[in-house]
Structures are given as C-alpha cells and as structure tokens.
Amino acid sequence: MSLSRAEVEKVSLLARLSLSEAEIDQLARQLGEVIEYIALLGEVDTTHVAPLAHPLELQNVFRDDCPCDSLPCEQAMANAPAHDGQCYLVPAVLGDA
C-alpha cells in the first residue's frame, strides 16, 4: 500500500510542516515503504507467542512504602519565602483572593 500525495499533504498540514514538492514525493515513497513493512510483520504467525508487557525481565527497584514521622511544621516552613506558620503563602494566580 502506498500513500498518495494528497494523503502526505494532509498529514503535513495537520503536523504544521511546510514541505517542498520533492519532500512530499520522497515522504510518500518512504511512508509507503514503512506501511508495507508493517503489513509484512502482520503476516507473521504469532499464535504460540505469549504477549509481553516488556521485552526485558524487570523488577521493582522502589523501596518499601513504610509510614514514618513527617517534618515538624517549623522545619518545613523554614525555607519558605512567605508562610503563616501552617501554610505556604503564594501570590493569587486567578485574581485577588
């Protein structure tokens, strides 16, 4: 299956790409080759192949999630440019509060 010039022009318009006439012809040919290759892969018999979530064996490298004491409020607010003792104070984003 090959792509027509009109299809490549539409895709380039959607991608907001400015392509020359030579580039459109080249991309139509190259994208057609990619589509043909994908169709060739679709012909491979995969009936006895187990589906994979990832091609490599991976293990979780995160530490256990154990509850622990949090920072005291004074220590958490120590480097804040503005706070009221319990909360960080930030400028209003959507207008005056």
Protein backbone atom coordinates (compact mmCIF):
# COMPACT_ATOMS: atom_id res chain seq x y z
CA MET A 1 0.00 0.00 0.00
CA SER A 2 1.39 3.38 -0.88
CA LEU A 3 0.37 6.81 0.24
CA SER A 4 -0.89 9.34 -2.23
CA ARG A 5 0.48 12.86 -2.46
CA ALA A 6 -2.85 14.15 -1.14
CA GLU A 7 -2.55 11.99 2.00
CA VAL A 8 1.02 13.18 2.64
CA GLU A 9 -0.07 16.79 2.10
CA LYS A 10 -2.93 16.33 4.58
CA VAL A 11 -0.62 14.80 7.20
CA SER A 12 1.91 17.60 6.69
CA LEU A 13 -0.88 20.16 7.10
CA LEU A 14 -2.04 18.51 10.34
CA ALA A 15 1.56 18.40 11.60
CA ARG A 16 2.04 22.01 10.50
CA LEU A 17 5.00 21.09 8.29
CA SER A 18 5.93 23.11 5.26
CA LEU A 19 7.16 20.62 2.67
CA SER A 20 8.50 21.18 -0.82
CA GLU A 21 7.22 19.19 -3.78
CA ALA A 22 10.35 16.99 -3.69
CA GLU A 23 9.91 16.34 0.03
CA ILE A 24 6.27 15.34 -0.47
CA ASP A 25 7.26 12.84 -3.16
CA GLN A 26 10.08 11.47 -1.00
CA LEU A 27 7.87 11.13 2.10
CA ALA A 28 5.09 9.46 0.12
CA ARG A 29 7.57 6.83 -1.04
CA GLN A 30 9.20 6.39 2.39
CA LEU A 31 5.93 6.22 4.33
CA GLY A 32 4.60 3.73 1.77
CA GLU A 33 7.63 1.52 2.45
CA VAL A 34 7.00 1.72 6.21
CA ILE A 35 3.35 0.72 5.75
CA GLU A 36 4.38 -2.21 3.50
CA TYR A 37 6.86 -3.38 6.16
CA ILE A 38 4.21 -3.22 8.87
CA ALA A 39 1.88 -5.25 6.66
CA LEU A 40 4.68 -7.80 6.23
CA LEU A 41 5.01 -8.05 10.02
CA GLY A 42 1.26 -8.67 10.22
CA GLU A 43 1.73 -11.89 8.23
CA VAL A 44 3.99 -13.46 10.88
CA ASP A 45 2.38 -16.34 12.80
CA THR A 46 2.27 -15.35 16.48
CA THR A 47 -0.28 -17.88 17.72
CA HIS A 48 2.19 -19.55 20.12
CA VAL A 49 3.88 -16.36 21.31
CA ALA A 50 2.86 -15.10 24.73
CA PRO A 51 2.02 -11.40 24.87
CA LEU A 52 4.63 -9.23 26.55
CA ALA A 53 4.28 -6.12 28.62
CA HIS A 54 8.02 -5.52 28.31
CA PRO A 55 10.72 -7.42 26.37
CA LEU A 56 13.09 -7.49 29.36
CA GLU A 57 12.65 -9.04 32.78
CA LEU A 58 12.30 -6.13 35.18
CA GLN A 59 11.93 -5.94 38.92
CA ASN A 60 10.57 -3.14 41.02
CA VAL A 61 13.50 -1.12 42.34
CA PHE A 62 11.49 1.04 44.72
CA ARG A 63 11.87 0.76 48.46
CA ASP A 64 9.03 -0.44 50.65
CA ASP A 65 6.47 2.24 51.44
CA CYS A 66 6.72 2.45 55.21
CA PRO A 67 4.96 5.16 57.22
CA CYS A 68 7.27 7.42 59.16
CA ASP A 69 7.12 10.70 61.05
CA SER A 70 6.87 13.83 58.90
CA LEU A 71 8.84 17.02 59.32
CA PRO A 72 7.76 19.36 62.09
CA CYS A 73 5.84 22.32 60.70
CA GLU A 74 8.53 24.82 61.75
CA GLN A 75 11.23 22.89 59.90
CA ALA A 76 9.08 22.51 56.77
CA MET A 77 8.35 26.26 56.71
CA ALA A 78 11.96 27.33 57.48
CA ASN A 79 12.94 28.00 53.84
CA ALA A 80 9.57 29.28 52.62
CA PRO A 81 9.73 32.89 51.40
CA ALA A 82 6.27 33.54 52.89
CA HIS A 83 4.15 31.49 55.27
CA ASP A 84 1.64 31.94 58.07
CA GLY A 85 3.04 29.23 60.33
CA GLN A 86 0.91 26.44 58.88
CA CYS A 87 0.69 27.07 55.12
CA TYR A 88 2.87 28.43 52.34
CA LEU A 89 1.69 31.82 51.09
CA VAL A 90 1.79 32.31 47.32
CA PRO A 91 0.54 35.07 45.03
CA ALA A 92 -3.00 34.67 43.70
CA VAL A 93 -3.00 33.19 40.21
CA LEU A 94 -6.63 33.65 39.21
CA GLY A 95 -7.14 37.11 40.62
CA ASP A 96 -7.46 38.72 44.02
CA ALA A 97 -8.48 36.45 46.87
